[in-house]
């Protein structure tokens, strides 16, 4: 590959992201926002790169003034009825994530799931599912899949959706950027 090919590859990535974002159901995002606003506490969970993106989302929720935690992180209070677990699992079948969600559900928490396929039969059941149409050859070889490796397209769209939810909540609730900054870590 030549360095000159990189801008063309970047445009192809942006095109894939735009198509996937354009296919996300806005009603699902509205349902997520309603769940976030009604939750007492919010717990975020994901494995691997999806887990890292959930950490970023959790941080921004705290900047907005929500009480949000990474499941299993320190500190992390107990989950209870009235709480929300926000999950990122492209397959909806990640066993380690499913085990955490099952514990939360048994305590009465509700679940919002970012995934690539709507399935009521997956390991991770949810009240709200935000389906990100980001096909990957490893998971669904018969579909026209992203040329990017593995779940990269899902992760890119997940990040943009989470940041869009943050922006929407900030705007809806008239939260000043200065207020968010006051909640930002200062021991860095």
Protein backbone atom coordinates (compact mmCIF):
# COMPACT_ATOMS: atom_id res chain seq x y z
CA UNK A 1 0.00 0.00 0.00
CA UNK A 2 1.17 3.46 -0.84
CA UNK A 3 0.79 6.42 1.52
CA UNK A 4 -1.11 8.09 -1.33
CA UNK A 5 -3.88 5.47 -0.94
CA UNK A 6 -4.64 6.43 2.67
CA UNK A 7 -6.98 9.38 1.88
CA UNK A 8 -9.04 7.13 -0.41
CA UNK A 9 -9.25 4.47 2.32
CA UNK A 10 -10.29 7.12 4.83
CA UNK A 11 -13.09 8.26 2.48
CA UNK A 12 -14.26 4.65 2.14
CA UNK A 13 -14.33 4.32 5.94
CA UNK A 14 -16.34 7.53 6.26
CA UNK A 15 -18.76 6.28 3.58
CA UNK A 16 -19.28 3.00 5.46
CA UNK A 17 -19.84 4.87 8.72
CA UNK A 18 -22.35 7.24 7.06
CA UNK A 19 -24.35 4.34 5.58
CA UNK A 20 -24.43 2.49 8.92
CA UNK A 21 -25.40 5.63 10.87
CA UNK A 22 -28.16 6.37 8.36
CA UNK A 23 -29.65 2.94 9.00
CA UNK A 24 -29.90 3.21 12.80
CA UNK A 25 -33.51 3.54 13.97
CA UNK A 26 -34.04 6.90 15.66
CA UNK A 27 -36.85 5.41 17.77
CA UNK A 28 -34.31 3.06 19.36
CA UNK A 29 -32.09 6.04 20.25
CA UNK A 30 -35.10 7.90 21.70
CA UNK A 31 -35.82 4.84 23.84
CA UNK A 32 -32.20 4.79 25.02
CA UNK A 33 -32.35 8.47 26.00
CA UNK A 34 -35.59 7.85 27.94
CA UNK A 35 -33.96 4.93 29.77
CA UNK A 36 -30.87 7.00 30.60
CA UNK A 37 -32.96 9.88 31.93
CA UNK A 38 -35.13 7.67 34.12
CA UNK A 39 -32.33 5.50 35.56
CA UNK A 40 -31.19 5.97 39.15
CA UNK A 41 -27.72 4.73 38.29
CA UNK A 42 -26.19 3.70 34.97
CA UNK A 43 -23.73 0.85 34.53
CA UNK A 44 -21.79 0.46 31.28
CA UNK A 45 -20.30 -2.83 30.09
CA UNK A 46 -18.55 -4.24 27.06
CA UNK A 47 -15.57 -6.45 26.27
CA UNK A 48 -12.43 -5.56 24.35
CA UNK A 49 -12.59 -2.47 22.16
CA UNK A 50 -16.34 -2.16 22.74
CA UNK A 51 -15.57 -2.03 26.47
CA UNK A 52 -13.12 0.82 25.92
CA UNK A 53 -15.81 2.75 24.05
CA UNK A 54 -18.25 2.12 26.89
CA UNK A 55 -15.66 3.60 29.27
CA UNK A 56 -15.61 6.77 27.17
CA UNK A 57 -19.43 6.89 27.17
CA UNK A 58 -19.54 6.32 30.95
CA UNK A 59 -17.10 9.19 31.48
CA UNK A 60 -19.21 11.56 29.37
CA UNK A 61 -22.39 10.54 31.22
CA UNK A 62 -20.66 11.53 34.45
CA UNK A 63 -19.61 14.83 32.88
CA UNK A 64 -23.31 15.42 32.14
CA UNK A 65 -24.16 14.82 35.81
CA UNK A 66 -25.45 11.25 35.59
CA UNK A 67 -24.35 8.69 38.16
CA UNK A 68 -22.58 6.25 35.84
CA UNK A 69 -20.11 3.43 36.48
CA UNK A 70 -18.22 0.78 34.58
CA UNK A 71 -19.59 -2.57 35.68
CA UNK A 72 -16.93 -4.36 37.69
CA UNK A 73 -14.76 -1.26 37.94
CA UNK A 74 -13.61 0.53 41.06
CA UNK A 75 -15.63 2.13 42.51
CA UNK A 76 -18.81 0.37 41.48
CA UNK A 77 -21.83 0.26 43.77
CA UNK A 78 -24.36 -2.57 43.66
CA UNK A 79 -26.91 -2.58 40.88
CA UNK A 80 -30.59 -2.50 41.84
CA UNK A 81 -34.09 -2.03 40.53
CA UNK A 82 -34.41 1.32 38.79
CA UNK A 83 -30.88 1.14 37.40
CA UNK A 84 -29.85 0.76 33.75
CA UNK A 85 -27.11 -1.37 32.24
CA UNK A 86 -25.84 -0.05 28.89
CA UNK A 87 -24.15 -2.84 26.96
CA UNK A 88 -22.07 -2.96 23.79
CA UNK A 89 -21.88 -6.39 22.17
CA UNK A 90 -21.74 -6.61 18.40
CA UNK A 91 -22.85 -10.23 18.43
CA UNK A 92 -25.19 -9.92 21.41
CA UNK A 93 -23.58 -13.18 22.51
CA UNK A 94 -20.41 -12.14 24.39
CA UNK A 95 -20.44 -14.64 27.26
CA UNK A 96 -18.51 -12.57 29.79
CA UNK A 97 -20.78 -9.58 29.15
CA UNK A 98 -23.91 -11.77 29.19
CA UNK A 99 -22.96 -13.07 32.66
CA UNK A 100 -22.68 -9.52 34.03
CA UNK A 101 -25.99 -8.53 32.43
CA UNK A 102 -27.71 -11.61 33.90
CA UNK A 103 -26.54 -10.61 37.39
CA UNK A 104 -27.87 -7.08 36.87
CA UNK A 105 -31.20 -8.33 35.54
CA UNK A 106 -31.62 -10.59 38.56
CA UNK A 107 -31.22 -7.47 40.75
CA UNK A 108 -33.98 -5.73 38.78
CA UNK A 109 -31.94 -3.54 36.40
CA UNK A 110 -33.10 -2.78 32.87
CA UNK A 111 -30.81 -3.26 29.87
CA UNK A 112 -30.03 -1.21 26.76
CA UNK A 113 -27.94 -3.04 24.15
CA UNK A 114 -25.87 -1.77 21.22
CA UNK A 115 -25.56 -4.71 18.81
CA UNK A 116 -25.39 -5.56 15.12
CA UNK A 117 -28.50 -7.69 15.00
CA UNK A 118 -31.91 -7.58 16.61
CA UNK A 119 -32.45 -10.92 18.30
CA UNK A 120 -34.72 -11.91 21.13
CA UNK A 121 -32.95 -15.26 21.37
CA UNK A 122 -29.41 -14.03 22.08
CA UNK A 123 -27.57 -14.43 25.34
CA UNK A 124 -28.05 -10.74 26.14
CA UNK A 125 -31.72 -9.81 26.47
CA UNK A 126 -32.63 -6.12 26.59
CA UNK A 127 -35.56 -3.75 26.92
CA UNK A 128 -33.94 -1.47 24.33
CA UNK A 129 -31.80 -2.62 21.41
CA UNK A 130 -29.94 -0.14 19.23
CA UNK A 131 -29.10 -2.08 16.10
CA UNK A 132 -25.96 -0.90 14.33
CA UNK A 133 -25.95 -2.36 10.81
CA UNK A 134 -22.23 -3.08 10.60
CA UNK A 135 -21.81 -6.50 9.01
CA UNK A 136 -18.51 -8.28 9.57
CA UNK A 137 -17.32 -11.23 7.49
CA UNK A 138 -16.29 -13.19 10.57
CA UNK A 139 -19.84 -13.14 11.94
CA UNK A 140 -22.05 -13.14 8.88
CA UNK A 141 -20.05 -14.23 5.81
CA UNK A 142 -23.05 -14.28 3.45
CA UNK A 143 -23.71 -10.51 3.73
CA UNK A 144 -21.91 -7.68 1.99
CA UNK A 145 -19.53 -6.93 4.81
CA UNK A 146 -17.30 -4.02 5.67
CA UNK A 147 -13.83 -4.17 4.17
CA UNK A 148 -12.47 -3.06 7.53
CA UNK A 149 -11.21 -5.83 9.82
CA UNK A 150 -13.37 -7.63 12.34
CA UNK A 151 -15.84 -5.35 14.22
CA UNK A 152 -14.17 -2.03 13.40
CA UNK A 153 -17.23 -0.55 11.67
CA UNK A 154 -19.45 -1.42 14.66
CA UNK A 155 -16.98 0.23 17.02
CA UNK A 156 -16.70 3.40 14.92
CA UNK A 157 -20.48 3.79 14.69
CA UNK A 158 -20.88 2.95 18.39
CA UNK A 159 -18.53 5.78 19.33
CA UNK A 160 -20.32 8.31 17.13
CA UNK A 161 -23.75 7.22 18.41
CA UNK A 162 -22.66 7.51 22.04
CA UNK A 163 -21.17 10.96 21.43
CA UNK A 164 -24.39 11.98 19.63
CA UNK A 165 -26.46 10.82 22.62
CA UNK A 166 -24.22 12.90 24.90
CA UNK A 167 -24.62 15.93 22.66
CA UNK A 168 -28.39 15.42 22.51
CA UNK A 169 -28.68 15.08 26.30
CA UNK A 170 -26.49 18.14 26.81
CA UNK A 171 -28.64 20.20 24.44
CA UNK A 172 -31.98 18.87 25.73
CA UNK A 173 -31.05 19.58 29.35
CA UNK A 174 -29.24 22.87 28.60
CA UNK A 175 -26.00 21.69 30.23
CA UNK A 176 -23.19 24.17 29.72
CA UNK A 177 -19.81 22.88 28.63
CA UNK A 178 -18.37 24.68 31.69
CA UNK A 179 -20.61 22.52 33.93
CA UNK A 180 -19.32 19.41 32.21
CA UNK A 181 -15.75 20.63 32.62
CA UNK A 182 -16.28 21.09 36.39
CA UNK A 183 -17.12 17.38 36.58
CA UNK A 184 -14.02 16.41 34.56
CA UNK A 185 -11.12 14.75 36.37
CA UNK A 186 -8.48 17.19 37.55
CA UNK A 187 -5.91 14.64 38.76
CA UNK A 188 -4.29 13.92 35.43
